[in-house]
Protein backbone atom coordinates (compact mmCIF):
# COMPACT_ATOMS: atom_id res chain seq x y z
CA UNK A 1 47.20 116.40 60.72
CA UNK A 2 47.12 113.62 58.11
CA UNK A 3 49.41 110.62 58.53
CA UNK A 4 50.22 107.36 56.77
CA UNK A 5 51.39 104.29 58.67
CA UNK A 6 54.67 103.90 56.78
CA UNK A 7 55.78 107.49 57.20
CA UNK A 8 54.53 107.57 60.78
CA UNK A 9 56.61 104.53 61.78
CA UNK A 10 59.67 105.73 59.84
CA UNK A 11 59.60 109.14 61.55
CA UNK A 12 59.18 107.54 64.97
CA UNK A 13 62.10 105.18 64.30
CA UNK A 14 64.38 107.98 63.08
CA UNK A 15 63.57 110.19 66.09
CA UNK A 16 64.11 107.33 68.54
CA UNK A 17 67.29 106.15 66.78
CA UNK A 18 68.68 109.71 66.85
CA UNK A 19 68.15 109.69 70.62
CA UNK A 20 70.23 106.47 70.81
CA UNK A 21 72.91 108.08 68.63
CA UNK A 22 72.87 111.09 70.95
CA UNK A 23 73.45 108.79 73.91
CA UNK A 24 76.43 107.24 72.14
CA UNK A 25 77.80 110.70 71.37
CA UNK A 26 77.34 111.62 75.02
CA UNK A 27 79.28 108.53 76.10
CA UNK A 28 82.02 109.24 73.55
CA UNK A 29 82.48 112.80 74.80
CA UNK A 30 82.74 111.55 78.38
CA UNK A 31 85.36 108.98 77.37
CA UNK A 32 87.38 111.73 75.66
CA UNK A 33 87.10 113.94 78.74
CA UNK A 34 88.27 110.98 80.79
CA UNK A 35 91.49 110.64 78.80
CA UNK A 36 90.21 107.91 76.49
CA UNK A 37 89.27 105.55 79.33
CA UNK A 38 85.69 104.30 79.50
CA UNK A 39 84.47 104.99 83.07
CA UNK A 40 82.31 102.38 84.76
CA UNK A 41 79.71 104.91 85.89
CA UNK A 42 79.58 107.66 83.28
CA UNK A 43 77.09 109.70 85.34
CA UNK A 44 79.55 110.15 88.23
CA UNK A 45 80.82 113.45 86.89
CA UNK A 46 82.59 114.53 90.07
CA UNK A 47 84.90 111.51 89.85
CA UNK A 48 85.66 112.42 86.24
CA UNK A 49 86.43 116.01 87.13
CA UNK A 50 83.49 117.26 85.04
CA UNK A 51 81.37 120.10 86.41
CA UNK A 52 77.74 119.23 87.11
CA UNK A 53 76.58 121.95 84.71
CA UNK A 54 78.58 120.37 81.88
CA UNK A 55 77.44 116.95 83.04
CA UNK A 56 73.79 118.00 82.85
CA UNK A 57 74.32 119.39 79.35
CA UNK A 58 75.78 116.03 78.32
CA UNK A 59 72.77 114.30 79.90
CA UNK A 60 70.43 116.56 77.91
CA UNK A 61 72.35 116.14 74.64
CA UNK A 62 70.44 113.01 73.47
CA UNK A 63 67.11 114.75 74.17
CA UNK A 64 68.22 117.86 72.28
CA UNK A 65 69.32 115.79 69.28
CA UNK A 66 66.08 113.80 69.45
CA UNK A 67 63.96 116.97 69.49
CA UNK A 68 65.71 118.49 66.47
CA UNK A 69 65.54 115.20 64.55
CA UNK A 70 61.83 114.77 65.35
CA UNK A 71 61.09 118.27 64.04
CA UNK A 72 63.08 117.73 60.83
CA UNK A 73 61.81 114.21 60.07
CA UNK A 74 58.19 115.17 60.82
CA UNK A 75 58.45 118.10 58.43
CA UNK A 76 60.13 116.29 55.54
CA UNK A 77 58.82 112.71 55.91
CA UNK A 78 55.27 113.34 57.09
CA UNK A 79 55.12 116.61 55.13
CA UNK A 80 53.70 118.33 58.20
CA UNK A 81 54.65 121.62 59.88
CA UNK A 82 56.46 121.07 63.18
CA UNK A 83 53.70 123.06 64.90
CA UNK A 84 51.33 120.10 64.36
CA UNK A 85 53.23 118.28 67.10
CA UNK A 86 51.82 120.95 69.41
CA UNK A 87 48.56 121.91 67.75
CA UNK A 88 46.57 121.46 64.55
CA UNK A 89 46.94 125.20 64.05
CA UNK A 90 50.00 125.67 61.85
CA UNK A 91 50.63 129.12 63.31
CA UNK A 92 50.52 128.05 66.97
CA UNK A 93 53.44 127.78 69.35
CA UNK A 94 53.91 126.30 72.80
CA UNK A 95 52.35 128.59 75.42
CA UNK A 96 55.39 128.96 77.66
CA UNK A 97 53.58 131.58 79.75
CA UNK A 98 50.91 129.03 80.65
CA UNK A 99 53.60 126.44 81.36
CA UNK A 100 55.39 128.89 83.67
CA UNK A 101 52.15 129.24 85.63
CA UNK A 102 51.68 125.46 85.86
CA UNK A 103 55.20 124.72 87.17
CA UNK A 104 54.76 126.54 90.54
CA UNK A 105 51.36 124.86 90.92
CA UNK A 106 53.01 121.46 90.69
CA UNK A 107 55.81 122.65 92.99
CA UNK A 108 53.25 123.59 95.62
CA UNK A 109 51.53 120.19 95.52
CA UNK A 110 54.83 118.25 95.53
CA UNK A 111 56.13 120.40 98.40
CA UNK A 112 53.01 119.71 100.47
CA UNK A 113 53.47 115.96 99.95
CA UNK A 114 57.16 116.15 100.95
CA UNK A 115 56.31 118.32 103.96
CA UNK A 116 53.72 115.76 105.05
CA UNK A 117 56.33 112.99 104.81
CA UNK A 118 58.73 115.06 106.92
CA UNK A 119 56.06 115.72 109.57
CA UNK A 120 55.26 111.99 109.67
CA UNK A 121 58.97 111.19 110.13
CA UNK A 122 59.44 109.44 106.78
CA UNK A 123 61.82 112.04 105.32
CA UNK A 124 64.42 114.49 106.61
CA UNK A 125 66.05 117.29 104.61
CA UNK A 126 68.86 119.72 105.25
CA UNK A 127 69.94 122.79 103.30
CA UNK A 128 72.69 122.05 100.77
CA UNK A 129 75.81 123.97 101.90
CA UNK A 130 77.59 123.32 98.58
CA UNK A 131 74.97 124.93 96.38
CA UNK A 132 76.25 127.00 93.47
CA UNK A 133 74.03 129.73 92.02
CA UNK A 134 75.61 129.21 88.59
CA UNK A 135 74.92 125.47 88.67
CA UNK A 136 71.40 126.06 89.99
CA UNK A 137 70.58 128.46 87.14
CA UNK A 138 72.10 126.04 84.61
CA UNK A 139 69.89 123.24 85.90
CA UNK A 140 66.74 125.40 85.80
CA UNK A 141 67.34 126.19 82.12
CA UNK A 142 68.65 122.79 80.98
CA UNK A 143 66.38 120.35 82.82
CA UNK A 144 63.28 121.24 80.70
CA UNK A 145 64.99 119.88 77.55
CA UNK A 146 64.28 116.25 78.51
CA UNK A 147 60.53 116.65 79.21
CA UNK A 148 60.20 118.79 76.07
CA UNK A 149 61.45 115.93 73.89
CA UNK A 150 59.49 113.29 75.79
CA UNK A 151 56.20 115.21 75.54
CA UNK A 152 56.71 116.07 71.87
CA UNK A 153 57.62 112.46 71.06
CA UNK A 154 55.24 110.51 73.32
CA UNK A 155 52.19 112.77 73.47
CA UNK A 156 52.63 115.18 70.56
CA UNK A 157 53.68 112.55 68.02
CA UNK A 158 53.03 108.95 69.12
CA UNK A 159 49.82 109.56 71.06
CA UNK A 160 48.36 111.94 68.50
CA UNK A 161 49.48 109.80 65.56
CA UNK A 162 48.17 106.51 66.97
CA UNK A 163 44.88 108.19 67.90
CA UNK A 164 44.48 109.34 64.29
CA UNK A 165 45.64 106.11 62.61
CA UNK A 166 43.84 103.62 64.88
CA UNK A 167 40.91 105.89 65.77
CA UNK A 168 41.26 104.47 69.28
CA UNK A 169 42.35 106.93 71.97
CA UNK A 170 42.42 104.28 74.72
CA UNK A 171 44.83 102.11 72.74
CA UNK A 172 47.03 105.15 72.10
CA UNK A 173 47.00 105.99 75.81
CA UNK A 174 47.89 102.45 76.91
CA UNK A 175 50.60 101.95 74.28
CA UNK A 176 52.38 105.27 74.88
CA UNK A 177 52.17 104.82 78.67
CA UNK A 178 53.75 101.35 78.51
CA UNK A 179 56.38 102.59 76.07
CA UNK A 180 57.09 105.59 78.30
CA UNK A 181 57.59 103.26 81.27
CA UNK A 182 59.78 100.83 79.30
CA UNK A 183 62.10 103.61 78.14
CA UNK A 184 62.75 104.57 81.77
CA UNK A 185 63.83 101.05 82.72
CA UNK A 186 67.49 102.03 82.40
CA UNK A 187 67.31 105.18 84.51
CA UNK A 188 69.15 105.63 87.79
CA UNK A 189 65.80 105.72 89.62
CA UNK A 190 64.96 102.18 88.50
CA UNK A 191 68.50 100.97 89.19
CA UNK A 192 68.42 102.39 92.72
CA UNK A 193 64.84 101.52 93.70
CA UNK A 194 64.19 98.38 91.67
CA UNK A 195 62.19 97.49 88.58
CA UNK A 196 58.93 97.88 90.47
CA UNK A 197 59.36 101.64 89.99
CA UNK A 198 58.65 101.13 86.28
CA UNK A 199 55.01 100.98 87.44
CA UNK A 200 55.44 104.59 88.60
CA UNK A 201 56.69 105.67 85.16
CA UNK A 202 53.82 103.85 83.46
CA UNK A 203 51.44 105.63 85.84
CA UNK A 204 53.07 108.95 84.97
CA UNK A 205 52.58 108.12 81.30
CA UNK A 206 48.88 107.49 81.94
CA UNK A 207 48.46 110.80 83.81
CA UNK A 208 50.37 112.79 81.17
CA UNK A 209 48.54 111.07 78.33
CA UNK A 210 45.15 111.58 79.96
CA UNK A 211 45.85 115.30 80.39
CA UNK A 212 46.85 115.51 76.72
CA UNK A 213 43.68 113.66 75.76
CA UNK A 214 41.41 115.87 77.89
CA UNK A 215 43.06 119.19 77.09
CA UNK A 216 43.75 118.22 73.46
CA UNK A 217 47.21 119.74 73.65
CA UNK A 218 50.63 119.02 75.19
CA UNK A 219 50.79 122.30 77.13
CA UNK A 220 49.41 121.02 80.44
CA UNK A 221 51.34 117.70 80.50
CA UNK A 222 54.50 119.55 79.49
CA UNK A 223 54.05 121.99 82.37
CA UNK A 224 53.60 119.15 84.85
CA UNK A 225 56.50 117.16 83.41
CA UNK A 226 58.90 120.09 83.62
CA UNK A 227 57.70 120.86 87.15
CA UNK A 228 58.23 117.25 88.21
CA UNK A 229 61.77 117.09 86.82
CA UNK A 230 62.76 120.45 88.28
CA UNK A 231 61.34 119.54 91.68
CA UNK A 232 63.26 116.25 91.66
CA UNK A 233 66.45 118.10 90.73
CA UNK A 234 66.11 120.58 93.58
CA UNK A 235 65.75 117.77 96.14
CA UNK A 236 68.60 115.27 96.08
CA UNK A 237 69.77 112.22 97.98
CA UNK A 238 73.46 113.14 97.76
CA UNK A 239 75.52 116.31 97.98
CA UNK A 240 75.89 118.24 94.72
CA UNK A 241 76.14 121.88 93.63
CA UNK A 242 72.64 122.45 92.21
CA UNK A 243 70.07 121.09 94.69
CA UNK A 244 68.53 123.31 97.35
CA UNK A 245 68.03 120.50 99.86
CA UNK A 246 69.64 117.12 100.53
CA UNK A 247 67.56 114.17 101.75
CA UNK A 248 69.28 112.61 104.77
CA UNK A 249 66.51 110.15 105.62
CA UNK A 250 64.10 108.73 103.03
CA UNK A 251 61.48 105.99 102.85
CA UNK A 252 63.12 102.56 102.66
CA UNK A 253 59.97 100.69 101.59
CA UNK A 254 60.11 100.80 97.79
CA UNK A 255 56.38 100.33 97.28
CA UNK A 256 55.48 103.08 99.77
CA UNK A 257 58.14 105.30 98.25
CA UNK A 258 56.67 104.78 94.78
CA UNK A 259 53.17 105.57 96.06
CA UNK A 260 54.36 108.92 97.43
CA UNK A 261 55.87 109.74 94.01
CA UNK A 262 52.58 109.33 92.17
CA UNK A 263 50.52 111.39 94.65
CA UNK A 264 51.63 114.86 93.35
CA UNK A 265 50.81 114.05 89.67
CA UNK A 266 47.37 112.74 90.65
CA UNK A 267 46.69 115.80 92.82
CA UNK A 268 47.85 118.01 89.95
CA UNK A 269 45.48 116.24 87.56
CA UNK A 270 42.54 116.56 89.95
CA UNK A 271 43.26 120.24 90.60
CA UNK A 272 43.60 121.00 86.88
CA UNK A 273 40.26 119.28 86.30
CA UNK A 274 38.64 121.21 89.16
CA UNK A 275 40.00 124.55 87.93
CA UNK A 276 39.03 123.64 84.33
CA UNK A 277 42.63 124.13 83.24
CA UNK A 278 42.26 121.10 80.98
CA UNK A 279 39.36 122.80 79.21
CA UNK A 280 40.87 126.27 78.87
CA UNK A 281 43.61 125.99 76.25
CA UNK A 282 45.52 128.92 74.85
CA UNK A 283 46.20 127.05 71.59
CA UNK A 284 44.01 125.17 69.13
CA UNK A 285 43.51 121.51 70.17
CA UNK A 286 45.46 118.65 68.67
CA UNK A 287 43.54 116.60 66.18
CA UNK A 288 42.94 112.94 66.91
CA UNK A 289 43.12 113.34 70.68
């Protein structure tokens, strides 16, 4: 993939700006559904009388708009096929079969960590009595939209592009990891657990970027990212209609809590390295990384 600085920056700006526009559209739809009144907490869909399935779709709307815009702008501004965001092979596609095999692997590691916390008395879970099969299925199919955009944008575009333009993979890794962490500063996780959790998101960016750098594709980091988001959705801290289990007692120490979050990604990385998953790609490697 050949890039020029001007077109690279313009495409990145358009994709990011479209995500912001998508967020504004999301907020506007919620206001309309709320009878024209701007709610204080737009994510509290139960209060607004909005189903959680519709609420999740609204949450994913900015990511969906961002993904489509990134594809279009990359094709017409950078004059590159959209497949180059995934591989240097213009005929390649994302190996969803490989991703489907990576998701349960991450689930297993994350479950072992959570089970250990329960056995040590740090966490307690109970089965969610309000679970809805329809909502659960909706979440399973909609949740991957966010990590798809984030991996295409951060690792497939920014990381690959900066690696090519600067010829410095370490700089690309550090920049995209910091940017990834900064963009999560406004999430509910950071609001609930404090700004120190941004360190966790930066660490996640490093792990995801390193896997992209070693495997030379976004398949493995995308599989882990989807697995992480799905696992988090199936375990919740409050009653809803899509989670399998509700956490009734969690770690109160924010630093210790953050440490337990980063353990599954690190274990996943180590296991992928041990099993040579990072070296056995089903698609042609990305250039530059």
